[in-house]
Structures are given as C-alpha cells and as structure tokens.
C-alpha cells in the first residue's frame, strides 16, 4: 500500500492521465486479491498492473440514493452462470472501461436487507449490457447509466461466495475511501484554477467550475485527514476579489477544518500578484 501512495503522488505531480486506472488499481484489484478465485486473480490482476484493463463500480442504482441495501438489480441462476437484470447509475467511464464489479441480489432478504447479495465481474461489452451516457451541465461525458437486460454472466465471474456481497462490497468501499488520489488530485485542480485565473480573470465561469471541483476534493481531503494548501490559497484569492464566494468559501472552510484535523497551521494567503504566477502544467488533471 505504501508503494501505491508513492507512485500515485508521483503520477499526479507530473499530470499523468491516470484516472482510467484508479478504480481497478485502488479497489477492484484489492477486492479480487481478498475474495477472488485463483483463476480470477491470474486473469485480471496482471492486466490491471500493466494498465491494460479498466474497471467500473456497479453499486449505485436509480431511486436508491445512498441506501446501498436497496439494490434491485437481480441475478438469477441459469445453466452455466447467472442472468443479470437491472440498472446501475453514476457509473464512471463505463463507456470506456472493460469490466464492472456489479452488486446484485441473488437471494431473498428474509428480513435482513444485507443478506442475499452477491458480486459479479461483468463484461461491459457483453450482449444484454447497454451503457447510456449521462452528460453533465458542462457538456462532459464521464458518468453513465448501465442497463442489464438478462445479460449472461458466467459462473466463473462470481466474486466470492453467493450471498456474501454485503461484507465484500463494504470492504471494497473501504479501499475506495482510503485512496490517496481522493485528496492528492486537488493539487492539480488548484493549479488549473490558478492558471485559469491568470489567463481568464477571476470572473471566469471556468474558474467557478474548477473551484467547485476543488471544493469537492477539499471535502475528500477532510476524510483523509489532510488538505492541499494550494486549494485554500486559490479560494482565498477569489474571495478577496469578491468572486465565486459560495464555492470558494466552502474550500476555505474545508481547508480550515482539515488543517485542525492535521494539526497544521493554515498557509498564509498569497499576495495579489500570486494569481499571475505560472503554475506547473496541469493538462493531465483528472
């Protein structure tokens, strides 16, 4: 795990385009190491390490909100495997990735909604799998809805034991929430915001978007117990200029909270000329 932190930090420092690898590297691979069969490990782990295959997360569903136990996607046993029916939503990069680890109901809850759940490795290009784009207000396509219409999943793609999905998926989410990229990537957003402020001015709509993204990562930084000073410095500059007060204020508050968690003092606000300094290239920011 320590080695992964070092590699992730170095990749982000040079703006490497690494977002496609994160899910497989951060949680799909560790999940298969813990619960997968030897055949699954042999098939997927070397290809993940080589950056040849990418994974999506098949957990969230329409109308379920954050209630993970409200899974409606169902897998029914058929000769040779399972028939998968249902929908997943907010599935990052499903239109580009090769596989998703999907949480589905395989048995009756019988009074315990956490029972009767299982996980499957699903080929996102298989018959019966439809990926529908979700385009955000900026016109970017990153998220998707994935629809399973009696998609066949071979028995060999069941992860772990049938009915053990709840314990497995909560273990996977622990890997997700501890990923260093969740707060380290805010540095790239801050530098992109600084570059935007220098070229487009503090009233730029693009700067508002970047600060909004940085606010999200600042919240993630609190989860990890650390925040990036560059994010807070960018927000302070925008606040002094009287622009983007909502998102900039949220970053400053998040930064102050995270600093108290870290036991570190807040970085001093830069002079007005700092906004015009040229930061490192951030073209590879995820």
C-alpha atoms as a PDB file:
ATOM      1  CA  UNK A   1       0.000   0.000   0.000  1.00  0.00           C
ATOM      2  CA  UNK A   2       2.828   2.444   0.795  1.00  0.00           C
ATOM      3  CA  UNK A   3       4.301   1.863  -2.660  1.00  0.00           C
ATOM      4  CA  UNK A   4       0.961   2.753  -4.252  1.00  0.00           C
ATOM      5  CA  UNK A   5       0.835   6.062  -2.346  1.00  0.00           C
ATOM      6  CA  UNK A   6       4.292   6.977  -3.642  1.00  0.00           C
ATOM      7  CA  UNK A   7       3.521   6.025  -7.247  1.00  0.00           C
ATOM      8  CA  UNK A   8       0.154   7.847  -7.190  1.00  0.00           C
ATOM      9  CA  UNK A   9       1.729  11.028  -5.829  1.00  0.00           C
ATOM     10  CA  UNK A  10       4.452  10.993  -8.490  1.00  0.00           C
ATOM     11  CA  UNK A  11       1.977  10.376 -11.311  1.00  0.00           C
ATOM     12  CA  UNK A  12      -0.196  13.265 -10.160  1.00  0.00           C
ATOM     13  CA  UNK A  13       2.819  15.546  -9.749  1.00  0.00           C
ATOM     14  CA  UNK A  14       3.558  15.343 -13.482  1.00  0.00           C
ATOM     15  CA  UNK A  15      -0.080  15.447 -14.586  1.00  0.00           C
ATOM     16  CA  UNK A  16      -0.168  11.868 -15.870  1.00  0.00           C
ATOM     17  CA  UNK A  17      -3.561  10.774 -17.294  1.00  0.00           C
ATOM     18  CA  UNK A  18      -4.208   8.145 -14.643  1.00  0.00           C
ATOM     19  CA  UNK A  19      -7.943   8.389 -13.940  1.00  0.00           C
ATOM     20  CA  UNK A  20      -8.755   5.337 -16.069  1.00  0.00           C
ATOM     21  CA  UNK A  21      -6.575   3.104 -13.878  1.00  0.00           C
ATOM     22  CA  UNK A  22      -7.711   4.276 -10.468  1.00  0.00           C
ATOM     23  CA  UNK A  23     -10.761   2.115  -9.826  1.00  0.00           C
ATOM     24  CA  UNK A  24      -9.085  -1.135 -10.878  1.00  0.00           C
ATOM     25  CA  UNK A  25      -5.860  -0.267  -9.091  1.00  0.00           C
ATOM     26  CA  UNK A  26      -7.490   1.154  -5.972  1.00  0.00           C
ATOM     27  CA  UNK A  27     -10.341  -1.268  -5.235  1.00  0.00           C
ATOM     28  CA  UNK A  28     -11.146  -3.862  -7.910  1.00  0.00           C
ATOM     29  CA  UNK A  29      -7.698  -5.433  -7.723  1.00  0.00           C
ATOM     30  CA  UNK A  30      -7.565  -5.494  -3.903  1.00  0.00           C
ATOM     31  CA  UNK A  31     -11.100  -6.922  -3.827  1.00  0.00           C
ATOM     32  CA  UNK A  32     -10.050  -9.788  -6.107  1.00  0.00           C
ATOM     33  CA  UNK A  33      -6.924 -10.338  -4.021  1.00  0.00           C
ATOM     34  CA  UNK A  34      -9.101 -10.764  -0.947  1.00  0.00           C
ATOM     35  CA  UNK A  35     -12.149 -12.610  -2.316  1.00  0.00           C
ATOM     36  CA  UNK A  36     -11.420 -13.696  -5.896  1.00  0.00           C
ATOM     37  CA  UNK A  37     -10.579 -17.177  -7.094  1.00  0.00           C
ATOM     38  CA  UNK A  38      -7.094 -18.112  -8.220  1.00  0.00           C
ATOM     39  CA  UNK A  39      -8.352 -18.154 -11.814  1.00  0.00           C
ATOM     40  CA  UNK A  40      -9.767 -14.628 -11.452  1.00  0.00           C
ATOM     41  CA  UNK A  41      -6.548 -13.346  -9.959  1.00  0.00           C
ATOM     42  CA  UNK A  42      -4.484 -14.901 -12.753  1.00  0.00           C
ATOM     43  CA  UNK A  43      -6.772 -13.479 -15.436  1.00  0.00           C
ATOM     44  CA  UNK A  44      -7.258  -9.933 -14.172  1.00  0.00           C
ATOM     45  CA  UNK A  45      -4.510  -8.829 -11.778  1.00  0.00           C
ATOM     46  CA  UNK A  46      -1.539  -8.903 -14.195  1.00  0.00           C
ATOM     47  CA  UNK A  47      -3.563  -6.989 -16.799  1.00  0.00           C
ATOM     48  CA  UNK A  48      -4.603  -4.411 -14.168  1.00  0.00           C
ATOM     49  CA  UNK A  49      -0.960  -3.969 -13.148  1.00  0.00           C
ATOM     50  CA  UNK A  50       0.037  -3.464 -16.790  1.00  0.00           C
ATOM     51  CA  UNK A  51      -2.703  -0.867 -17.278  1.00  0.00           C
ATOM     52  CA  UNK A  52      -4.390  -2.952 -19.976  1.00  0.00           C
ATOM     53  CA  UNK A  53      -7.882  -3.300 -18.494  1.00  0.00           C
ATOM     54  CA  UNK A  54     -10.049  -0.811 -16.628  1.00  0.00           C
ATOM     55  CA  UNK A  55     -12.901  -1.397 -14.173  1.00  0.00           C
ATOM     56  CA  UNK A  56     -16.060   0.479 -13.195  1.00  0.00           C
ATOM     57  CA  UNK A  57     -18.058   0.280  -9.965  1.00  0.00           C
ATOM     58  CA  UNK A  58     -21.535  -1.252 -10.308  1.00  0.00           C
ATOM     59  CA  UNK A  59     -23.120  -0.266  -7.000  1.00  0.00           C
ATOM     60  CA  UNK A  60     -25.368   2.846  -7.159  1.00  0.00           C
ATOM     61  CA  UNK A  61     -28.894   2.471  -8.540  1.00  0.00           C
ATOM     62  CA  UNK A  62     -31.685   4.857  -9.617  1.00  0.00           C
ATOM     63  CA  UNK A  63     -34.070   5.906  -6.827  1.00  0.00           C
ATOM     64  CA  UNK A  64     -31.881   4.265  -4.164  1.00  0.00           C
ATOM     65  CA  UNK A  65     -29.882   7.329  -3.123  1.00  0.00           C
ATOM     66  CA  UNK A  66     -27.179   6.340  -0.673  1.00  0.00           C
ATOM     67  CA  UNK A  67     -29.126   3.301   0.545  1.00  0.00           C
ATOM     68  CA  UNK A  68     -26.815   0.583  -0.705  1.00  0.00           C
ATOM     69  CA  UNK A  69     -29.014  -2.185   0.687  1.00  0.00           C
ATOM     70  CA  UNK A  70     -31.872  -1.066  -1.587  1.00  0.00           C
ATOM     71  CA  UNK A  71     -30.334  -2.948  -4.523  1.00  0.00           C
ATOM     72  CA  UNK A  72     -32.903  -4.036  -7.120  1.00  0.00           C
ATOM     73  CA  UNK A  73     -30.539  -5.436  -9.756  1.00  0.00           C
ATOM     74  CA  UNK A  74     -31.076  -9.195  -9.637  1.00  0.00           C
ATOM     75  CA  UNK A  75     -29.033 -12.177 -10.766  1.00  0.00           C
ATOM     76  CA  UNK A  76     -30.847 -15.478 -11.310  1.00  0.00           C
ATOM     77  CA  UNK A  77     -29.109 -18.817 -11.776  1.00  0.00           C
ATOM     78  CA  UNK A  78     -29.216 -20.237 -15.285  1.00  0.00           C
ATOM     79  CA  UNK A  79     -27.253 -23.138 -16.844  1.00  0.00           C
ATOM     80  CA  UNK A  80     -23.562 -22.212 -16.728  1.00  0.00           C
ATOM     81  CA  UNK A  81     -23.936 -18.998 -14.786  1.00  0.00           C
ATOM     82  CA  UNK A  82     -26.315 -16.149 -13.982  1.00  0.00           C
ATOM     83  CA  UNK A  83     -28.836 -13.945 -15.793  1.00  0.00           C
ATOM     84  CA  UNK A  84     -28.453 -10.305 -14.727  1.00  0.00           C
ATOM     85  CA  UNK A  85     -31.322  -7.792 -14.886  1.00  0.00           C
ATOM     86  CA  UNK A  86     -31.423  -4.233 -13.555  1.00  0.00           C
ATOM     87  CA  UNK A  87     -29.803  -0.802 -13.731  1.00  0.00           C
ATOM     88  CA  UNK A  88     -26.790   0.952 -12.271  1.00  0.00           C
ATOM     89  CA  UNK A  89     -26.236   4.704 -12.355  1.00  0.00           C
ATOM     90  CA  UNK A  90     -23.377   7.227 -11.996  1.00  0.00           C
ATOM     91  CA  UNK A  91     -21.070   4.554 -13.398  1.00  0.00           C
ATOM     92  CA  UNK A  92     -17.803   6.352 -14.086  1.00  0.00           C
ATOM     93  CA  UNK A  93     -16.217   5.751 -17.519  1.00  0.00           C
ATOM     94  CA  UNK A  94     -18.357   2.678 -18.242  1.00  0.00           C
ATOM     95  CA  UNK A  95     -18.306   3.730 -21.913  1.00  0.00           C
ATOM     96  CA  UNK A  96     -14.520   3.236 -21.928  1.00  0.00           C
ATOM     97  CA  UNK A  97     -13.858   0.602 -19.297  1.00  0.00           C
ATOM     98  CA  UNK A  98     -13.778  -3.126 -19.908  1.00  0.00           C
ATOM     99  CA  UNK A  99     -15.475  -4.542 -16.802  1.00  0.00           C
ATOM    100  CA  UNK A 100     -17.591  -3.577 -13.809  1.00  0.00           C
ATOM    101  CA  UNK A 101     -17.882  -5.358 -10.486  1.00  0.00           C
ATOM    102  CA  UNK A 102     -21.642  -5.375 -10.022  1.00  0.00           C
ATOM    103  CA  UNK A 103     -23.561  -5.822  -6.781  1.00  0.00           C
ATOM    104  CA  UNK A 104     -26.797  -7.756  -7.362  1.00  0.00           C
ATOM    105  CA  UNK A 105     -29.442  -9.509  -5.328  1.00  0.00           C
ATOM    106  CA  UNK A 106     -29.195 -13.283  -5.691  1.00  0.00           C
ATOM    107  CA  UNK A 107     -31.424 -14.393  -2.813  1.00  0.00           C
ATOM    108  CA  UNK A 108     -34.264 -13.257  -0.596  1.00  0.00           C
ATOM    109  CA  UNK A 109     -33.529 -10.752   2.139  1.00  0.00           C
ATOM    110  CA  UNK A 110     -35.790 -12.613   4.620  1.00  0.00           C
ATOM    111  CA  UNK A 111     -35.941  -9.654   6.970  1.00  0.00           C
ATOM    112  CA  UNK A 112     -32.277  -8.743   6.559  1.00  0.00           C
ATOM    113  CA  UNK A 113     -31.740  -6.414   3.603  1.00  0.00           C
ATOM    114  CA  UNK A 114     -27.999  -7.027   3.782  1.00  0.00           C
ATOM    115  CA  UNK A 115     -28.475 -10.713   3.057  1.00  0.00           C
ATOM    116  CA  UNK A 116     -28.799 -12.314  -0.365  1.00  0.00           C
ATOM    117  CA  UNK A 117     -26.362 -10.011  -2.192  1.00  0.00           C
ATOM    118  CA  UNK A 118     -23.502 -11.123  -4.456  1.00  0.00           C
ATOM    119  CA  UNK A 119     -20.838  -9.527  -6.649  1.00  0.00           C
ATOM    120  CA  UNK A 120     -20.035 -10.313 -10.280  1.00  0.00           C
ATOM    121  CA  UNK A 121     -17.354  -9.337 -12.781  1.00  0.00           C
ATOM    122  CA  UNK A 122     -19.415  -8.145 -15.756  1.00  0.00           C
ATOM    123  CA  UNK A 123     -18.075  -7.550 -19.270  1.00  0.00           C
ATOM    124  CA  UNK A 124     -19.378  -4.110 -20.222  1.00  0.00           C
ATOM    125  CA  UNK A 125     -19.385  -5.060 -23.914  1.00  0.00           C
ATOM    126  CA  UNK A 126     -21.315  -8.304 -23.462  1.00  0.00           C
ATOM    127  CA  UNK A 127     -24.729  -8.900 -25.074  1.00  0.00           C
ATOM    128  CA  UNK A 128     -27.526  -7.587 -22.890  1.00  0.00           C
ATOM    129  CA  UNK A 129     -25.391  -4.776 -21.406  1.00  0.00           C
ATOM    130  CA  UNK A 130     -26.277  -1.234 -22.538  1.00  0.00           C
ATOM    131  CA  UNK A 131     -24.249   1.826 -21.498  1.00  0.00           C
ATOM    132  CA  UNK A 132     -26.231   5.084 -21.648  1.00  0.00           C
ATOM    133  CA  UNK A 133     -24.330   8.395 -21.310  1.00  0.00           C
ATOM    134  CA  UNK A 134     -25.040  10.940 -18.572  1.00  0.00           C
ATOM    135  CA  UNK A 135     -23.747  14.293 -19.867  1.00  0.00           C
ATOM    136  CA  UNK A 136     -23.152  16.981 -17.232  1.00  0.00           C
ATOM    137  CA  UNK A 137     -24.025  20.688 -17.493  1.00  0.00           C
ATOM    138  CA  UNK A 138     -20.563  21.424 -18.897  1.00  0.00           C
ATOM    139  CA  UNK A 139     -21.187  19.016 -21.758  1.00  0.00           C
ATOM    140  CA  UNK A 140     -18.682  16.454 -20.493  1.00  0.00           C
ATOM    141  CA  UNK A 141     -19.373  12.722 -20.566  1.00  0.00           C
ATOM    142  CA  UNK A 142     -17.833  10.851 -17.638  1.00  0.00           C
ATOM    143  CA  UNK A 143     -20.798   9.182 -15.942  1.00  0.00           C
ATOM    144  CA  UNK A 144     -23.236   6.611 -17.297  1.00  0.00           C
ATOM    145  CA  UNK A 145     -26.308   4.547 -16.629  1.00  0.00           C
ATOM    146  CA  UNK A 146     -25.716   0.838 -17.261  1.00  0.00           C
ATOM    147  CA  UNK A 147     -28.724  -1.347 -18.078  1.00  0.00           C
ATOM    148  CA  UNK A 148     -28.622  -5.131 -17.814  1.00  0.00           C
ATOM    149  CA  UNK A 149     -31.241  -6.897 -19.912  1.00  0.00           C
ATOM    150  CA  UNK A 150     -30.875 -10.563 -18.958  1.00  0.00           C
ATOM    151  CA  UNK A 151     -27.134 -10.309 -19.516  1.00  0.00           C
ATOM    152  CA  UNK A 152     -25.401 -13.663 -19.106  1.00  0.00           C
ATOM    153  CA  UNK A 153     -22.590 -13.791 -16.541  1.00  0.00           C
ATOM    154  CA  UNK A 154     -20.531 -16.996 -16.427  1.00  0.00           C
ATOM    155  CA  UNK A 155     -20.280 -18.844 -13.105  1.00  0.00           C
ATOM    156  CA  UNK A 156     -16.531 -18.162 -13.158  1.00  0.00           C
ATOM    157  CA  UNK A 157     -17.239 -14.420 -12.819  1.00  0.00           C
ATOM    158  CA  UNK A 158     -18.931 -14.692  -9.416  1.00  0.00           C
ATOM    159  CA  UNK A 159     -16.685 -12.950  -6.865  1.00  0.00           C
ATOM    160  CA  UNK A 160     -16.505 -14.679  -3.505  1.00  0.00           C
ATOM    161  CA  UNK A 161     -19.482 -16.625  -2.212  1.00  0.00           C
ATOM    162  CA  UNK A 162     -23.136 -16.203  -3.193  1.00  0.00           C
ATOM    163  CA  UNK A 163     -24.886 -14.116  -0.549  1.00  0.00           C
ATOM    164  CA  UNK A 164     -21.643 -12.644   0.854  1.00  0.00           C
ATOM    165  CA  UNK A 165     -21.873  -9.485  -1.229  1.00  0.00           C
ATOM    166  CA  UNK A 166     -22.595  -7.074   1.626  1.00  0.00           C
ATOM    167  CA  UNK A 167     -19.401  -7.885   3.533  1.00  0.00           C
ATOM    168  CA  UNK A 168     -17.424  -7.828   0.302  1.00  0.00           C
ATOM    169  CA  UNK A 169     -18.760  -4.521  -1.021  1.00  0.00           C
ATOM    170  CA  UNK A 170     -18.240  -2.705   2.285  1.00  0.00           C
ATOM    171  CA  UNK A 171     -14.660  -3.978   2.232  1.00  0.00           C
ATOM    172  CA  UNK A 172     -14.330  -2.609  -1.311  1.00  0.00           C
ATOM    173  CA  UNK A 173     -15.679   0.784  -0.240  1.00  0.00           C
ATOM    174  CA  UNK A 174     -13.024   0.933   2.465  1.00  0.00           C
ATOM    175  CA  UNK A 175     -10.409   0.669  -0.284  1.00  0.00           C
ATOM    176  CA  UNK A 176     -12.207   3.386  -2.249  1.00  0.00           C
ATOM    177  CA  UNK A 177     -12.383   5.900   0.581  1.00  0.00           C
ATOM    178  CA  UNK A 178      -8.742   5.409   1.574  1.00  0.00           C
ATOM    179  CA  UNK A 179      -7.367   6.107  -1.924  1.00  0.00           C
ATOM    180  CA  UNK A 180      -4.701   8.846  -1.822  1.00  0.00           C
ATOM    181  CA  UNK A 181      -5.843  10.262  -5.164  1.00  0.00           C
ATOM    182  CA  UNK A 182      -9.028  11.444  -3.466  1.00  0.00           C
ATOM    183  CA  UNK A 183      -7.102  14.323  -1.904  1.00  0.00           C
ATOM    184  CA  UNK A 184      -3.840  14.452  -3.864  1.00  0.00           C
ATOM    185  CA  UNK A 185      -5.714  15.238  -7.086  1.00  0.00           C
ATOM    186  CA  UNK A 186      -6.919  18.525  -5.571  1.00  0.00           C
ATOM    187  CA  UNK A 187      -3.423  19.908  -6.174  1.00  0.00           C
ATOM    188  CA  UNK A 188      -3.921  19.553  -9.925  1.00  0.00           C
ATOM    189  CA  UNK A 189      -7.305  21.272  -9.694  1.00  0.00           C
ATOM    190  CA  UNK A 190      -5.798  24.133  -7.715  1.00  0.00           C
ATOM    191  CA  UNK A 191      -3.024  24.640 -10.246  1.00  0.00           C
ATOM    192  CA  UNK A 192      -5.530  24.531 -13.110  1.00  0.00           C
ATOM    193  CA  UNK A 193      -7.601  27.149 -11.250  1.00  0.00           C
ATOM    194  CA  UNK A 194      -4.536  29.363 -10.795  1.00  0.00           C
ATOM    195  CA  UNK A 195      -3.709  29.100 -14.493  1.00  0.00           C
ATOM    196  CA  UNK A 196      -7.322  29.903 -15.413  1.00  0.00           C
ATOM    197  CA  UNK A 197      -7.379  32.924 -13.102  1.00  0.00           C
ATOM    198  CA  UNK A 198      -4.158  34.200 -14.663  1.00  0.00           C
ATOM    199  CA  UNK A 199      -5.431  33.927 -18.243  1.00  0.00           C
ATOM    200  CA  UNK A 200      -9.219  34.392 -17.995  1.00  0.00           C
ATOM    201  CA  UNK A 201      -9.590  36.504 -14.857  1.00  0.00           C
ATOM    202  CA  UNK A 202     -11.302  35.857 -11.552  1.00  0.00           C
ATOM    203  CA  UNK A 203     -14.801  36.257 -13.023  1.00  0.00           C
ATOM    204  CA  UNK A 204     -14.304  33.363 -15.444  1.00  0.00           C
ATOM    205  CA  UNK A 205     -17.100  30.726 -15.446  1.00  0.00           C
ATOM    206  CA  UNK A 206     -14.416  28.101 -15.996  1.00  0.00           C
ATOM    207  CA  UNK A 207     -12.723  29.197 -12.773  1.00  0.00           C
ATOM    208  CA  UNK A 208     -16.038  28.730 -10.953  1.00  0.00           C
ATOM    209  CA  UNK A 209     -16.219  25.180 -12.296  1.00  0.00           C
ATOM    210  CA  UNK A 210     -12.645  24.416 -11.233  1.00  0.00           C
ATOM    211  CA  UNK A 211     -13.247  25.837  -7.761  1.00  0.00           C
ATOM    212  CA  UNK A 212     -16.404  23.756  -7.464  1.00  0.00           C
ATOM    213  CA  UNK A 213     -14.395  20.627  -8.295  1.00  0.00           C
ATOM    214  CA  UNK A 214     -11.717  21.691  -5.847  1.00  0.00           C
ATOM    215  CA  UNK A 215     -14.369  22.135  -3.149  1.00  0.00           C
ATOM    216  CA  UNK A 216     -15.392  18.515  -3.662  1.00  0.00           C
ATOM    217  CA  UNK A 217     -11.799  17.363  -3.337  1.00  0.00           C
ATOM    218  CA  UNK A 218     -11.320  19.515  -0.263  1.00  0.00           C
ATOM    219  CA  UNK A 219     -14.168  17.569   1.322  1.00  0.00           C
ATOM    220  CA  UNK A 220     -12.408  14.362   0.366  1.00  0.00           C
ATOM    221  CA  UNK A 221      -9.260  15.759   1.941  1.00  0.00           C
ATOM    222  CA  UNK A 222     -11.085  16.016   5.260  1.00  0.00           C
ATOM    223  CA  UNK A 223     -11.984  12.328   5.001  1.00  0.00           C
ATOM    224  CA  UNK A 224      -8.295  11.540   4.622  1.00  0.00           C
ATOM    225  CA  UNK A 225      -7.187  13.963   7.352  1.00  0.00           C
ATOM    226  CA  UNK A 226      -5.242  16.317   5.095  1.00  0.00           C
ATOM    227  CA  UNK A 227      -5.963  19.217   2.720  1.00  0.00           C
ATOM    228  CA  UNK A 228      -3.891  20.806  -0.015  1.00  0.00           C
ATOM    229  CA  UNK A 229      -2.771  24.365   0.862  1.00  0.00           C
ATOM    230  CA  UNK A 230      -2.804  25.388  -2.823  1.00  0.00           C
ATOM    231  CA  UNK A 231      -6.551  24.791  -2.947  1.00  0.00           C
ATOM    232  CA  UNK A 232      -7.120  27.104   0.011  1.00  0.00           C
ATOM    233  CA  UNK A 233      -4.797  29.764  -1.412  1.00  0.00           C
ATOM    234  CA  UNK A 234      -6.735  29.804  -4.694  1.00  0.00           C
ATOM    235  CA  UNK A 235     -10.018  30.118  -2.828  1.00  0.00           C
ATOM    236  CA  UNK A 236      -8.736  32.996  -0.676  1.00  0.00           C
ATOM    237  CA  UNK A 237      -7.644  34.921  -3.775  1.00  0.00           C
ATOM    238  CA  UNK A 238     -11.093  34.532  -5.296  1.00  0.00           C
ATOM    239  CA  UNK A 239     -12.772  35.567  -2.042  1.00  0.00           C
ATOM    240  CA  UNK A 240     -10.670  38.734  -1.788  1.00  0.00           C
ATOM    241  CA  UNK A 241     -11.695  39.584  -5.335  1.00  0.00           C
ATOM    242  CA  UNK A 242     -15.364  39.091  -4.401  1.00  0.00           C
ATOM    243  CA  UNK A 243     -15.981  36.291  -6.911  1.00  0.00           C
ATOM    244  CA  UNK A 244     -17.275  32.737  -6.596  1.00  0.00           C
ATOM    245  CA  UNK A 245     -17.954  33.261  -2.909  1.00  0.00           C
ATOM    246  CA  UNK A 246     -20.055  30.128  -2.414  1.00  0.00           C
ATOM    247  CA  UNK A 247     -17.587  27.559  -3.682  1.00  0.00           C
ATOM    248  CA  UNK A 248     -14.510  29.473  -2.597  1.00  0.00           C
ATOM    249  CA  UNK A 249     -15.915  29.822   0.905  1.00  0.00           C
ATOM    250  CA  UNK A 250     -16.613  26.125   1.114  1.00  0.00           C
ATOM    251  CA  UNK A 251     -12.995  25.390   0.202  1.00  0.00           C
ATOM    252  CA  UNK A 252     -11.669  27.756   2.850  1.00  0.00           C
ATOM    253  CA  UNK A 253     -13.927  26.215   5.490  1.00  0.00           C
ATOM    254  CA  UNK A 254     -12.939  22.718   4.418  1.00  0.00           C
ATOM    255  CA  UNK A 255      -9.301  23.674   4.453  1.00  0.00           C
ATOM    256  CA  UNK A 256      -9.542  25.171   7.936  1.00  0.00           C
ATOM    257  CA  UNK A 257     -11.299  22.068   9.246  1.00  0.00           C
ATOM    258  CA  UNK A 258      -8.788  19.755   7.630  1.00  0.00           C
ATOM    259  CA  UNK A 259      -5.901  21.792   8.982  1.00  0.00           C
ATOM    260  CA  UNK A 260      -7.232  21.404  12.508  1.00  0.00           C
ATOM    261  CA  UNK A 261      -7.517  17.665  11.895  1.00  0.00           C
ATOM    262  CA  UNK A 262      -3.920  17.582  10.684  1.00  0.00           C
ATOM    263  CA  UNK A 263      -2.649  19.769  13.498  1.00  0.00           C
ATOM    264  CA  UNK A 264      -1.140  22.092  10.894  1.00  0.00           C
ATOM    265  CA  UNK A 265      -1.450  25.836  10.620  1.00  0.00           C
ATOM    266  CA  UNK A 266      -3.195  27.289   7.623  1.00  0.00           C
ATOM    267  CA  UNK A 267      -0.906  28.533   4.881  1.00  0.00           C
ATOM    268  CA  UNK A 268      -0.699  32.325   4.680  1.00  0.00           C
ATOM    269  CA  UNK A 269      -2.691  33.938   1.921  1.00  0.00           C
ATOM    270  CA  UNK A 270      -0.554  34.877  -1.062  1.00  0.00           C
ATOM    271  CA  UNK A 271      -0.174  38.428  -2.333  1.00  0.00           C
ATOM    272  CA  UNK A 272      -2.362  39.574  -5.180  1.00  0.00           C
ATOM    273  CA  UNK A 273       0.450  39.007  -7.654  1.00  0.00           C
ATOM    274  CA  UNK A 274       0.492  35.287  -6.859  1.00  0.00           C
ATOM    275  CA  UNK A 275      -2.537  34.779  -9.036  1.00  0.00           C
ATOM    276  CA  UNK A 276      -0.481  35.721 -12.075  1.00  0.00           C
ATOM    277  CA  UNK A 277       2.344  33.284 -11.492  1.00  0.00           C
ATOM    278  CA  UNK A 278       2.537  30.432 -13.920  1.00  0.00           C
ATOM    279  CA  UNK A 279       1.951  27.083 -12.171  1.00  0.00           C
ATOM    280  CA  UNK A 280       3.115  23.708 -13.404  1.00  0.00           C
ATOM    281  CA  UNK A 281       1.241  22.381 -16.408  1.00  0.00           C
ATOM    282  CA  UNK A 282      -1.972  20.712 -15.287  1.00  0.00           C
ATOM    283  CA  UNK A 283      -3.214  19.316 -18.582  1.00  0.00           C
ATOM    284  CA  UNK A 284      -3.391  15.802 -17.202  1.00  0.00           C
ATOM    285  CA  UNK A 285      -5.517  16.717 -14.228  1.00  0.00           C
ATOM    286  CA  UNK A 286      -8.283  14.116 -13.762  1.00  0.00           C
END
